[in-house]
Amino acid sequence: MNGIKVALVKLLLHFCALLPLAWARALGRLAVSLYWLFGGRSRKVTERNIELAFPDLTASEQQAMALASLRETGALAAEMGHVWLRPWNYVQGLMVSVEGDALITDAQAQGRGVIVLAPHLGNWEMIGLHAGTLGSMVSLYEPPKLEAIGPMIENARQRAGATLVPTDSRGLVKLLRSVKGGKISGILPDQAPRDLASGENISFMGIECFTPTLANNMIRRTGALAVFGFAERVPGGFALRYFAAEDAIYDEDNAISLAALNRGVEKCLRHCDTQYQWEYKRFRVRPKNGPGVYDDL
């Protein structure tokens, strides 16, 4: 069965890569519009997340936002053929604008490591590729569930010069050493870990949720500069933006540091909130205190 899935994924990626980017995105959005009619799990989770995160919107506005968000996830899936499979010169041409990258290049010139905090917003693969052009970069890599497409993803991510290390203890040691030595690393700051010791429940969009401590621990232990980055989907490609994290993210108090981390993610969202991956169960808490917000879905 996995062999069939891999073949279908590769076929769709190659097909979308042959289409003009705008057509591929439109195809992804159309596919999700059809999926929406069946009310699947992703729709239910997206609706619940938007109800929680945007309580001031009317019910109809929340519904419209949920549909728009899932449509953008469809566009994300469809455009990955362009990002992973097209020639590197073409992919670079999709970066139609870049703001704030001097934060990274200036730190690199001073020999200071940089941790790029890239939430699940827009196309985070593009941020990883671009950051790899600004200096020597080392990032964590966890193989996908469909392992046969792993080599394709690895090759794509390393085209800009990044080095990938596994998400185990040895990989974390390599990552720590590299950032201490002045290199760049990219971390997803909004992916809830399974391990209870790897996060804390901190407010995000006014709702408490399990927030990973990996990035904050890395920042404190390495003295690296913390920079948020995201690639907004725009006509013709992507608009990349970087901005410095709040000073509070360097605080020794985990609660203060993690609150600053989540506020940074919220600041990213304000630019293109429908391009956030709202179908992810972001508002889980650990350990659970009574029923979770997704238990009835």
Protein backbone atom coordinates (compact mmCIF):
# COMPACT_ATOMS: atom_id res chain seq x y z
CA MET A 1 0.00 0.00 0.00
CA ASN A 2 2.81 2.43 0.86
CA GLY A 3 4.34 1.80 -2.55
CA ILE A 4 1.11 2.95 -4.21
CA LYS A 5 0.96 6.03 -1.98
CA VAL A 6 4.56 6.96 -2.81
CA ALA A 7 3.92 6.53 -6.53
CA LEU A 8 0.82 8.75 -6.34
CA VAL A 9 2.62 11.45 -4.33
CA LYS A 10 5.53 11.54 -6.77
CA LEU A 11 3.18 11.55 -9.75
CA LEU A 12 1.20 14.49 -8.36
CA LEU A 13 4.35 16.42 -7.45
CA HIS A 14 5.84 15.97 -10.92
CA PHE A 15 2.53 16.84 -12.57
CA CYS A 16 2.19 20.04 -10.52
CA ALA A 17 5.81 20.92 -11.24
CA LEU A 18 5.02 20.88 -14.97
CA LEU A 19 2.14 23.32 -14.55
CA PRO A 20 2.65 27.08 -14.23
CA LEU A 21 2.86 27.94 -10.53
CA ALA A 22 -0.46 29.81 -10.55
CA TRP A 23 -2.20 26.82 -12.16
CA ALA A 24 -0.72 24.39 -9.64
CA ARG A 25 -1.89 26.53 -6.74
CA ALA A 26 -5.34 26.88 -8.27
CA LEU A 27 -5.55 23.10 -8.66
CA GLY A 28 -4.65 22.62 -4.99
CA ARG A 29 -7.26 25.14 -3.88
CA LEU A 30 -9.91 23.51 -6.08
CA ALA A 31 -9.16 20.06 -4.65
CA VAL A 32 -9.61 21.40 -1.11
CA SER A 33 -12.85 23.16 -2.05
CA LEU A 34 -14.21 19.76 -3.08
CA TYR A 35 -12.84 18.11 0.08
CA TRP A 36 -14.56 20.81 2.18
CA LEU A 37 -17.97 19.53 1.09
CA PHE A 38 -17.34 16.18 2.82
CA GLY A 39 -16.52 17.73 6.22
CA GLY A 40 -13.44 15.65 7.01
CA ARG A 41 -11.11 15.77 10.02
CA SER A 42 -8.95 18.61 8.68
CA ARG A 43 -12.01 20.79 8.17
CA LYS A 44 -13.28 20.11 11.71
CA VAL A 45 -9.91 20.85 13.31
CA THR A 46 -9.47 24.01 11.25
CA GLU A 47 -12.93 25.25 12.22
CA ARG A 48 -12.28 24.55 15.90
CA ASN A 49 -8.89 26.30 15.85
CA ILE A 50 -10.28 29.41 14.18
CA GLU A 51 -13.21 29.52 16.63
CA LEU A 52 -10.67 29.53 19.47
CA ALA A 53 -8.11 31.89 17.93
CA PHE A 54 -10.52 34.45 16.45
CA PRO A 55 -13.50 34.64 18.83
CA ASP A 56 -14.35 38.19 17.70
CA LEU A 57 -15.27 37.02 14.21
CA THR A 58 -18.87 36.13 13.42
CA ALA A 59 -19.72 32.50 12.71
CA SER A 60 -19.90 33.18 8.96
CA GLU A 61 -16.54 35.00 9.05
CA GLN A 62 -14.99 32.07 10.88
CA GLN A 63 -16.35 29.67 8.28
CA ALA A 64 -14.97 31.79 5.44
CA MET A 65 -11.58 31.96 7.13
CA ALA A 66 -11.51 28.21 7.73
CA LEU A 67 -12.24 27.51 4.06
CA ALA A 68 -9.65 30.07 2.93
CA SER A 69 -7.05 28.53 5.25
CA LEU A 70 -7.61 24.99 3.99
CA ARG A 71 -7.51 26.25 0.41
CA GLU A 72 -4.08 27.75 1.14
CA THR A 73 -2.94 24.39 2.50
CA GLY A 74 -4.04 22.90 -0.81
CA ALA A 75 -1.98 25.53 -2.62
CA LEU A 76 0.98 24.66 -0.39
CA ALA A 77 0.77 20.96 -1.27
CA ALA A 78 0.45 21.68 -4.98
CA GLU A 79 3.34 24.15 -5.14
CA MET A 80 5.80 21.72 -3.49
CA GLY A 81 6.51 20.18 -6.90
CA HIS A 82 7.95 23.55 -7.92
CA VAL A 83 9.93 23.93 -4.68
CA TRP A 84 11.34 20.39 -4.49
CA LEU A 85 11.68 19.34 -8.12
CA ARG A 86 12.39 22.38 -10.27
CA PRO A 87 16.00 23.59 -10.85
CA TRP A 88 17.58 25.66 -8.08
CA ASN A 89 17.87 28.78 -10.27
CA TYR A 90 14.13 28.60 -10.88
CA VAL A 91 13.37 28.18 -7.15
CA GLN A 92 15.53 31.20 -6.33
CA GLY A 93 13.50 33.18 -8.84
CA LEU A 94 10.34 32.43 -6.83
CA MET A 95 11.72 34.58 -4.01
CA VAL A 96 10.14 37.76 -5.36
CA SER A 97 11.09 39.88 -2.34
CA VAL A 98 13.16 39.52 0.83
CA GLU A 99 13.02 41.77 3.91
CA GLY A 100 15.11 41.70 7.06
CA ASP A 101 17.80 39.26 5.91
CA ALA A 102 20.49 41.75 6.98
CA LEU A 103 19.76 40.64 10.57
CA ILE A 104 21.21 37.24 9.68
CA THR A 105 24.09 38.35 7.47
CA ASP A 106 25.21 40.95 10.04
CA ALA A 107 25.21 38.32 12.81
CA GLN A 108 27.15 35.96 10.56
CA ALA A 109 29.72 38.65 9.84
CA GLN A 110 30.22 39.00 13.60
CA GLY A 111 30.64 35.22 14.01
CA ARG A 112 27.37 34.89 15.92
CA GLY A 113 25.06 31.94 15.39
CA VAL A 114 21.48 32.48 14.29
CA ILE A 115 18.35 30.46 14.99
CA VAL A 116 15.62 31.11 12.42
CA LEU A 117 12.20 30.44 13.93
CA ALA A 118 9.92 29.52 11.04
CA PRO A 119 6.30 28.71 12.01
CA HIS A 120 3.94 26.64 9.85
CA LEU A 121 3.01 29.71 7.82
CA GLY A 122 3.07 30.22 4.07
CA ASN A 123 5.77 27.93 2.68
CA TRP A 124 8.34 27.25 5.42
CA GLU A 125 10.42 25.15 3.01
CA MET A 126 11.28 28.37 1.18
CA ILE A 127 12.56 30.01 4.37
CA GLY A 128 14.85 27.05 5.02
CA LEU A 129 16.21 27.19 1.48
CA HIS A 130 16.77 30.94 1.56
CA ALA A 131 18.39 30.93 5.02
CA GLY A 132 20.86 28.38 3.68
CA THR A 133 22.11 30.98 1.19
CA LEU A 134 22.94 33.47 3.96
CA GLY A 135 25.58 31.36 5.70
CA SER A 136 26.49 27.84 6.77
CA MET A 137 23.29 26.15 7.95
CA VAL A 138 22.53 22.98 9.92
CA SER A 139 18.93 21.84 10.48
CA LEU A 140 17.11 18.93 12.06
CA TYR A 141 15.52 16.44 9.69
CA GLU A 142 12.94 13.80 10.51
CA PRO A 143 12.17 11.41 7.63
CA PRO A 144 8.54 11.47 6.41
CA LYS A 145 6.15 8.63 7.17
CA LEU A 146 6.45 7.62 3.52
CA GLU A 147 10.18 6.94 3.75
CA ALA A 148 10.61 6.42 0.01
CA ILE A 149 10.12 10.15 -0.66
CA GLY A 150 12.71 11.04 1.99
CA PRO A 151 15.69 11.19 -0.42
CA MET A 152 13.80 13.60 -2.68
CA ILE A 153 13.11 15.94 0.26
CA GLU A 154 16.68 15.67 1.56
CA ASN A 155 18.15 16.53 -1.84
CA ALA A 156 15.79 19.49 -2.21
CA ARG A 157 16.57 20.90 1.23
CA GLN A 158 20.33 20.60 0.83
CA ARG A 159 20.52 22.35 -2.56
CA ALA A 160 21.19 25.73 -0.96
CA GLY A 161 24.05 24.34 1.11
CA ALA A 162 22.23 23.29 4.30
CA THR A 163 23.36 20.22 6.24
CA LEU A 164 20.63 18.00 7.72
CA VAL A 165 21.06 16.11 11.00
CA PRO A 166 18.68 13.55 12.56
CA THR A 167 16.26 14.44 15.35
CA ASP A 168 18.02 12.21 17.88
CA SER A 169 20.53 13.00 20.64
CA ARG A 170 23.49 12.88 18.26
CA GLY A 171 21.78 15.22 15.83
CA LEU A 172 20.92 17.66 18.60
CA VAL A 173 24.55 17.68 19.78
CA LYS A 174 25.71 18.46 16.22
CA LEU A 175 23.12 21.19 15.94
CA LEU A 176 24.16 22.73 19.26
CA ARG A 177 27.83 22.71 18.32
CA SER A 178 27.19 24.22 14.92
CA VAL A 179 25.15 27.13 16.27
CA LYS A 180 27.68 27.74 19.05
CA GLY A 181 30.28 27.87 16.29
CA GLY A 182 28.42 30.67 14.53
CA LYS A 183 26.27 28.77 12.05
CA ILE A 184 22.57 29.15 11.20
CA SER A 185 19.84 26.73 12.20
CA GLY A 186 16.15 26.60 11.40
CA ILE A 187 13.58 25.42 13.95
CA LEU A 188 9.78 25.11 13.76
CA PRO A 189 8.62 26.88 16.94
CA ASP A 190 4.98 25.74 16.87
CA GLN A 191 5.18 21.96 16.61
CA ALA A 192 4.01 20.37 19.88
CA PRO A 193 6.39 17.60 20.99
CA ARG A 194 5.13 14.27 22.35
CA ASP A 195 7.50 14.29 25.33
CA LEU A 196 6.04 16.04 28.39
CA ALA A 197 9.53 17.20 29.37
CA SER A 198 9.99 18.98 26.02
CA GLY A 199 7.45 21.75 26.43
CA GLU A 200 5.19 23.82 28.66
CA ASN A 201 1.60 25.04 28.43
CA ILE A 202 1.83 28.70 27.42
CA SER A 203 -0.72 31.11 25.93
CA PHE A 204 -0.92 31.36 22.13
CA MET A 205 -3.68 33.48 20.56
CA GLY A 206 -5.16 33.75 24.05
CA ILE A 207 -5.40 29.96 24.48
CA GLU A 208 -3.05 27.81 26.56
CA CYS A 209 -1.28 25.17 24.48
CA PHE A 210 1.75 22.92 24.71
CA THR A 211 4.73 24.92 23.44
CA PRO A 212 8.11 23.31 22.64
CA THR A 213 11.16 24.40 24.63
CA LEU A 214 13.78 23.23 22.09
CA ALA A 215 14.28 26.61 20.41
CA ASN A 216 14.43 28.56 23.67
CA ASN A 217 16.90 26.13 25.22
CA MET A 218 19.06 26.33 22.09
CA ILE A 219 18.99 30.13 22.12
CA ARG A 220 20.10 30.32 25.75
CA ARG A 221 22.80 27.64 25.45
CA THR A 222 24.38 29.01 22.28
CA GLY A 223 23.99 32.78 22.61
CA ALA A 224 22.50 32.75 19.10
CA LEU A 225 20.44 35.56 17.64
CA ALA A 226 16.75 34.62 17.46
CA VAL A 227 15.06 35.66 14.23
CA PHE A 228 11.54 34.87 13.03
CA GLY A 229 11.05 34.15 9.34
CA PHE A 230 8.23 33.22 6.99
CA ALA A 231 7.54 33.03 3.26
CA GLU A 232 4.14 34.46 2.34
CA ARG A 233 2.50 33.06 -0.77
CA VAL A 234 2.07 35.90 -3.29
CA PRO A 235 1.43 36.01 -7.05
CA GLY A 236 4.47 34.69 -8.87
CA GLY A 237 6.18 33.21 -5.82
CA PHE A 238 6.91 34.19 -2.25
CA ALA A 239 7.58 37.30 -0.16
CA LEU A 240 10.14 36.41 2.50
CA ARG A 241 10.31 38.36 5.76
CA TYR A 242 12.63 38.17 8.76
CA PHE A 243 12.39 40.12 12.01
CA ALA A 244 14.18 39.99 15.34
CA ALA A 245 12.52 38.21 18.26
CA GLU A 246 11.63 40.15 21.40
CA ASP A 247 14.38 40.53 24.00
CA ALA A 248 12.21 38.50 26.38
CA ILE A 249 12.92 35.36 24.36
CA TYR A 250 16.43 35.33 25.89
CA ASP A 251 15.06 35.35 29.45
CA GLU A 252 16.18 32.54 31.77
CA ASP A 253 12.59 32.09 32.95
CA ASN A 254 11.00 29.54 30.62
CA ALA A 255 7.50 30.99 30.96
CA ILE A 256 8.70 34.47 29.95
CA SER A 257 10.83 33.14 27.10
CA LEU A 258 8.11 30.86 25.70
CA ALA A 259 5.49 33.62 25.91
CA ALA A 260 7.79 35.78 23.76
CA LEU A 261 8.20 32.87 21.35
CA ASN A 262 4.44 32.54 20.90
CA ARG A 263 4.00 36.30 20.52
CA GLY A 264 6.56 36.15 17.72
CA VAL A 265 4.52 33.48 15.95
CA GLU A 266 1.41 35.64 16.40
CA LYS A 267 3.26 38.59 14.84
CA CYS A 268 4.07 36.42 11.82
CA LEU A 269 0.41 35.41 11.51
CA ARG A 270 -0.79 38.99 11.30
CA HIS A 271 0.75 39.24 7.83
CA CYS A 272 -1.18 36.31 6.30
CA ASP A 273 -3.31 34.51 8.89
CA THR A 274 -5.13 32.28 6.40
CA GLN A 275 -1.78 30.84 5.31
CA TYR A 276 -1.18 29.34 8.74
CA GLN A 277 -1.61 25.56 9.00
CA TRP A 278 -4.76 25.73 11.12
CA GLU A 279 -5.60 22.06 10.48
CA TYR A 280 -2.81 21.16 12.93
CA LYS A 281 -4.03 20.49 16.49
CA ARG A 282 -2.12 23.46 17.87
CA PHE A 283 -4.22 23.93 21.02
CA ARG A 284 -3.44 20.63 22.69
CA VAL A 285 -2.27 20.81 26.30
CA ARG A 286 -0.02 18.33 28.09
CA PRO A 287 -0.76 16.82 30.48
CA LYS A 288 -4.46 17.17 29.76
CA ASN A 289 -6.66 18.85 32.36
CA GLY A 290 -10.08 17.41 31.63
CA PRO A 291 -11.48 17.09 28.09
CA GLY A 292 -9.30 18.47 25.29
CA VAL A 293 -10.62 20.97 22.77
CA TYR A 294 -10.56 18.31 20.03
CA ASP A 295 -12.04 15.38 21.94
CA ASP A 296 -15.55 15.82 20.53
CA LEU A 297 -14.48 16.01 16.88
